Amino acid sequence: MQALSIDQRGADLAGRQEEVSLRKIAFKISLAAYLVFLHPSPVRASNARVRIEGGADANGHVYEWSMINEGRSPIVHVKMNHHRATLFFGPEDWKVDCQNLLNVGVGTPWGECQAIAPAGGGIAPGRRGAFRMQCAPTGTTRGRGTVIVQFADGTEEVVDGVELPKPESTGDRYIPLLGLGVIAGVYAIIHAARRNRAKPS
């Protein structure tokens, strides 16, 4: 009986160690799924004279960018495309203009937004300016696009790889569900292993 008790304790200890190991694996997989499927990394795009940081929020409906001027002339004009945008804002006192904003009732979801600095103003060298776009809650998702930046000296920079809204595909709709499914599947394995360990041999 004592030998059986020792064997049983050993089996219980091994089972607990296995469960702890499974929990660690589940945590790592869950974290990876969260980062990949549900919480993409912040985006930074830059070239020689402009750096643009930021993008969509967690819901993918509000985009906020910080534009840093790393050149020698003020930034005075910024242009970017949109998909199903409803609002667009530039730095204070800048004039903004957007084609085909969704709240205007137009049928075309695509358009271009631009922000123009007031005379004598702009984003000075070494400074940054904030831009913000709000999109419809459905039909759009995160994508990559191009922002055109014009300087007071008449030169222009094209910044690729900026996070911008794009049309939502069928696959985009199911990516969050896939991430949640991975997390749920891992924890189902843990519970199944626990039930098997609890069954009498």
Protein backbone atom coordinates (compact mmCIF):
# COMPACT_ATOMS: atom_id res chain seq x y z
CA MET A 1 0.00 0.00 0.00
CA GLN A 2 2.84 2.39 0.84
CA ALA A 3 4.53 1.64 -2.50
CA LEU A 4 1.22 2.27 -4.27
CA SER A 5 0.85 5.56 -2.42
CA ILE A 6 4.35 6.61 -3.44
CA ASP A 7 3.61 5.67 -7.03
CA GLN A 8 0.38 7.63 -6.90
CA ARG A 9 2.13 10.67 -5.49
CA GLY A 10 4.74 10.39 -8.21
CA ALA A 11 2.04 10.21 -10.87
CA ASP A 12 0.27 13.23 -9.37
CA LEU A 13 3.53 15.19 -9.31
CA ALA A 14 4.27 14.29 -12.92
CA GLY A 15 0.74 15.30 -13.87
CA ARG A 16 1.07 18.66 -12.17
CA GLN A 17 4.43 19.29 -13.85
CA GLU A 18 2.88 18.42 -17.19
CA GLU A 19 0.00 20.83 -16.54
CA VAL A 20 2.41 23.62 -15.58
CA SER A 21 4.37 22.98 -18.76
CA LEU A 22 1.18 23.07 -20.82
CA ARG A 23 0.13 26.33 -19.15
CA LYS A 24 3.47 27.93 -20.03
CA ILE A 25 3.13 26.79 -23.63
CA ALA A 26 -0.47 28.04 -23.71
CA PHE A 27 0.58 31.44 -22.41
CA LYS A 28 3.28 31.80 -25.05
CA ILE A 29 0.94 30.71 -27.86
CA SER A 30 -1.85 32.98 -26.58
CA LEU A 31 0.52 35.94 -26.40
CA ALA A 32 1.79 35.28 -29.91
CA ALA A 33 -1.76 34.95 -31.25
CA TYR A 34 -2.77 38.20 -29.55
CA LEU A 35 0.17 40.10 -31.01
CA VAL A 36 -0.16 38.65 -34.50
CA PHE A 37 -3.92 38.47 -34.95
CA LEU A 38 -5.46 40.99 -32.55
CA HIS A 39 -2.87 43.67 -31.82
CA PRO A 40 -0.54 44.49 -34.71
CA SER A 41 2.69 46.30 -33.96
CA PRO A 42 2.91 50.08 -34.33
CA VAL A 43 3.97 51.24 -37.79
CA ARG A 44 6.83 53.56 -38.64
CA ALA A 45 7.55 54.74 -42.16
CA SER A 46 10.30 57.13 -43.15
CA ASN A 47 12.68 58.38 -45.79
CA ALA A 48 15.51 60.88 -45.75
CA ARG A 49 13.49 63.94 -44.69
CA VAL A 50 10.21 62.70 -43.18
CA ARG A 51 9.31 60.15 -40.52
CA ILE A 52 5.69 59.10 -39.97
CA GLU A 53 4.71 57.15 -36.86
CA GLY A 54 1.37 55.70 -35.85
CA GLY A 55 -1.66 54.23 -37.57
CA ALA A 56 -4.94 52.65 -36.56
CA ASP A 57 -6.23 52.16 -33.03
CA ALA A 58 -7.17 48.73 -31.65
CA ASN A 59 -10.53 48.79 -33.44
CA GLY A 60 -9.04 49.93 -36.74
CA HIS A 61 -11.50 52.81 -37.09
CA VAL A 62 -9.41 55.79 -35.98
CA TYR A 63 -6.00 56.51 -37.48
CA GLU A 64 -3.54 58.87 -35.83
CA TRP A 65 -0.14 59.79 -37.23
CA SER A 66 2.74 61.87 -35.98
CA MET A 67 4.77 63.39 -38.81
CA ILE A 68 8.34 64.41 -37.94
CA ASN A 69 10.18 66.84 -40.18
CA GLU A 70 13.80 65.71 -40.53
CA GLY A 71 14.54 68.02 -43.44
CA ARG A 72 15.64 71.67 -43.66
CA SER A 73 12.42 73.26 -44.94
CA PRO A 74 8.96 73.40 -43.29
CA ILE A 75 6.34 70.83 -44.32
CA VAL A 76 3.40 72.73 -45.80
CA HIS A 77 1.25 70.19 -47.68
CA VAL A 78 0.33 66.56 -46.97
CA LYS A 79 -1.73 64.21 -49.16
CA MET A 80 -2.95 60.65 -48.53
CA ASN A 81 -5.63 58.31 -49.86
CA HIS A 82 -8.53 57.10 -47.76
CA HIS A 83 -11.16 54.35 -47.83
CA ARG A 84 -14.57 54.99 -46.20
CA ALA A 85 -13.24 57.92 -44.17
CA THR A 86 -15.77 60.10 -42.36
CA LEU A 87 -13.49 62.76 -40.83
CA PHE A 88 -9.96 64.06 -41.33
CA PHE A 89 -7.94 66.49 -39.22
CA GLY A 90 -4.56 68.14 -39.67
CA PRO A 91 -2.46 70.25 -37.31
CA GLU A 92 -4.07 73.32 -35.77
CA ASP A 93 -4.86 76.09 -38.29
CA TRP A 94 -4.21 73.83 -41.27
CA LYS A 95 -6.85 73.69 -44.00
CA VAL A 96 -8.11 70.17 -44.75
CA ASP A 97 -9.97 68.90 -47.78
CA CYS A 98 -11.18 65.37 -48.55
CA GLN A 99 -12.85 63.84 -51.57
CA ASN A 100 -15.75 61.41 -51.10
CA LEU A 101 -16.07 61.44 -47.32
CA LEU A 102 -18.60 58.82 -46.33
CA ASN A 103 -20.79 61.18 -44.31
CA VAL A 104 -21.39 63.30 -47.39
CA GLY A 105 -23.45 60.44 -48.81
CA VAL A 106 -21.33 59.75 -51.88
CA GLY A 107 -21.30 56.31 -53.40
CA THR A 108 -17.53 56.10 -53.99
CA PRO A 109 -15.64 54.80 -50.93
CA TRP A 110 -12.23 55.94 -52.22
CA GLY A 111 -10.86 59.45 -52.05
CA GLU A 112 -7.90 61.67 -51.26
CA CYS A 113 -7.39 63.79 -48.16
CA GLN A 114 -5.00 66.70 -48.03
CA ALA A 115 -3.92 69.19 -45.40
CA ILE A 116 -2.45 72.59 -46.26
CA ALA A 117 -0.52 74.78 -43.83
CA PRO A 118 -1.42 78.46 -43.42
CA ALA A 119 0.81 81.03 -45.12
CA GLY A 120 4.11 81.25 -43.28
CA GLY A 121 3.28 78.18 -41.21
CA GLY A 122 3.95 74.47 -41.45
CA ILE A 123 5.84 71.80 -39.56
CA ALA A 124 9.25 73.33 -38.93
CA PRO A 125 12.46 71.27 -39.20
CA GLY A 126 12.89 69.12 -36.10
CA ARG A 127 9.22 69.50 -35.13
CA ARG A 128 6.23 67.20 -35.54
CA GLY A 129 2.59 67.57 -36.54
CA ALA A 130 -0.45 65.40 -35.77
CA PHE A 131 -2.93 64.06 -38.31
CA ARG A 132 -6.10 62.09 -37.61
CA MET A 133 -8.61 60.19 -39.73
CA GLN A 134 -11.84 58.50 -38.68
CA CYS A 135 -13.27 55.69 -40.80
CA ALA A 136 -16.58 53.82 -40.97
CA PRO A 137 -16.85 50.95 -38.46
CA THR A 138 -17.32 48.36 -41.23
CA GLY A 139 -15.87 47.66 -44.65
CA THR A 140 -12.34 48.89 -43.96
CA THR A 141 -9.19 47.46 -42.38
CA ARG A 142 -5.51 48.27 -41.90
CA GLY A 143 -3.34 48.48 -44.97
CA ARG A 144 -0.20 50.13 -46.29
CA GLY A 145 -0.11 53.16 -48.51
CA THR A 146 1.75 56.25 -49.63
CA VAL A 147 1.78 59.75 -48.17
CA ILE A 148 2.99 62.67 -50.29
CA VAL A 149 4.73 65.44 -48.35
CA GLN A 150 5.53 68.84 -49.83
CA PHE A 151 7.99 71.36 -48.38
CA ALA A 152 8.03 75.15 -48.42
CA ASP A 153 11.05 75.12 -50.75
CA GLY A 154 8.97 73.41 -53.46
CA THR A 155 10.46 69.91 -53.04
CA GLU A 156 8.46 66.78 -52.36
CA GLU A 157 8.91 63.46 -50.58
CA VAL A 158 6.92 60.26 -51.11
CA VAL A 159 6.73 58.12 -47.96
CA ASP A 160 5.77 54.47 -48.57
CA GLY A 161 4.60 51.92 -46.03
CA VAL A 162 2.36 54.23 -43.99
CA GLU A 163 -0.55 52.48 -42.29
CA LEU A 164 -3.72 53.62 -44.08
CA PRO A 165 -7.27 52.23 -44.36
CA LYS A 166 -7.98 49.75 -47.15
CA PRO A 167 -11.04 47.70 -48.20
CA GLU A 168 -11.84 44.80 -45.90
CA SER A 169 -11.58 41.38 -47.52
CA THR A 170 -13.32 38.18 -46.45
CA GLY A 171 -10.06 36.94 -44.92
CA ASP A 172 -9.65 40.14 -42.90
CA ARG A 173 -13.03 39.56 -41.25
CA TYR A 174 -11.95 36.16 -39.93
CA ILE A 175 -8.41 36.95 -38.75
CA PRO A 176 -9.54 38.03 -35.22
CA LEU A 177 -11.73 34.93 -34.96
CA LEU A 178 -8.77 32.77 -35.97
CA GLY A 179 -6.65 34.31 -33.21
CA LEU A 180 -9.37 33.67 -30.62
CA GLY A 181 -9.76 30.12 -31.94
CA VAL A 182 -6.05 29.42 -31.42
CA ILE A 183 -6.27 30.64 -27.81
CA ALA A 184 -9.44 28.63 -27.12
CA GLY A 185 -7.92 25.49 -28.67
CA VAL A 186 -4.82 25.65 -26.48
CA TYR A 187 -6.86 25.93 -23.30
CA ALA A 188 -9.12 23.08 -24.45
CA ILE A 189 -6.01 20.88 -24.66
CA ILE A 190 -5.06 21.82 -21.10
CA HIS A 191 -8.51 20.94 -19.75
CA ALA A 192 -8.52 17.64 -21.66
CA ALA A 193 -5.14 16.74 -20.19
CA ARG A 194 -6.42 17.59 -16.71
CA ARG A 195 -9.49 15.35 -17.14
CA ASN A 196 -7.37 12.46 -18.37
CA ARG A 197 -5.11 12.81 -15.35
CA ALA A 198 -8.10 12.78 -13.00
CA LYS A 199 -9.47 9.47 -14.39
CA PRO A 200 -8.65 6.42 -12.23
CA SER A 201 -6.16 4.10 -13.82
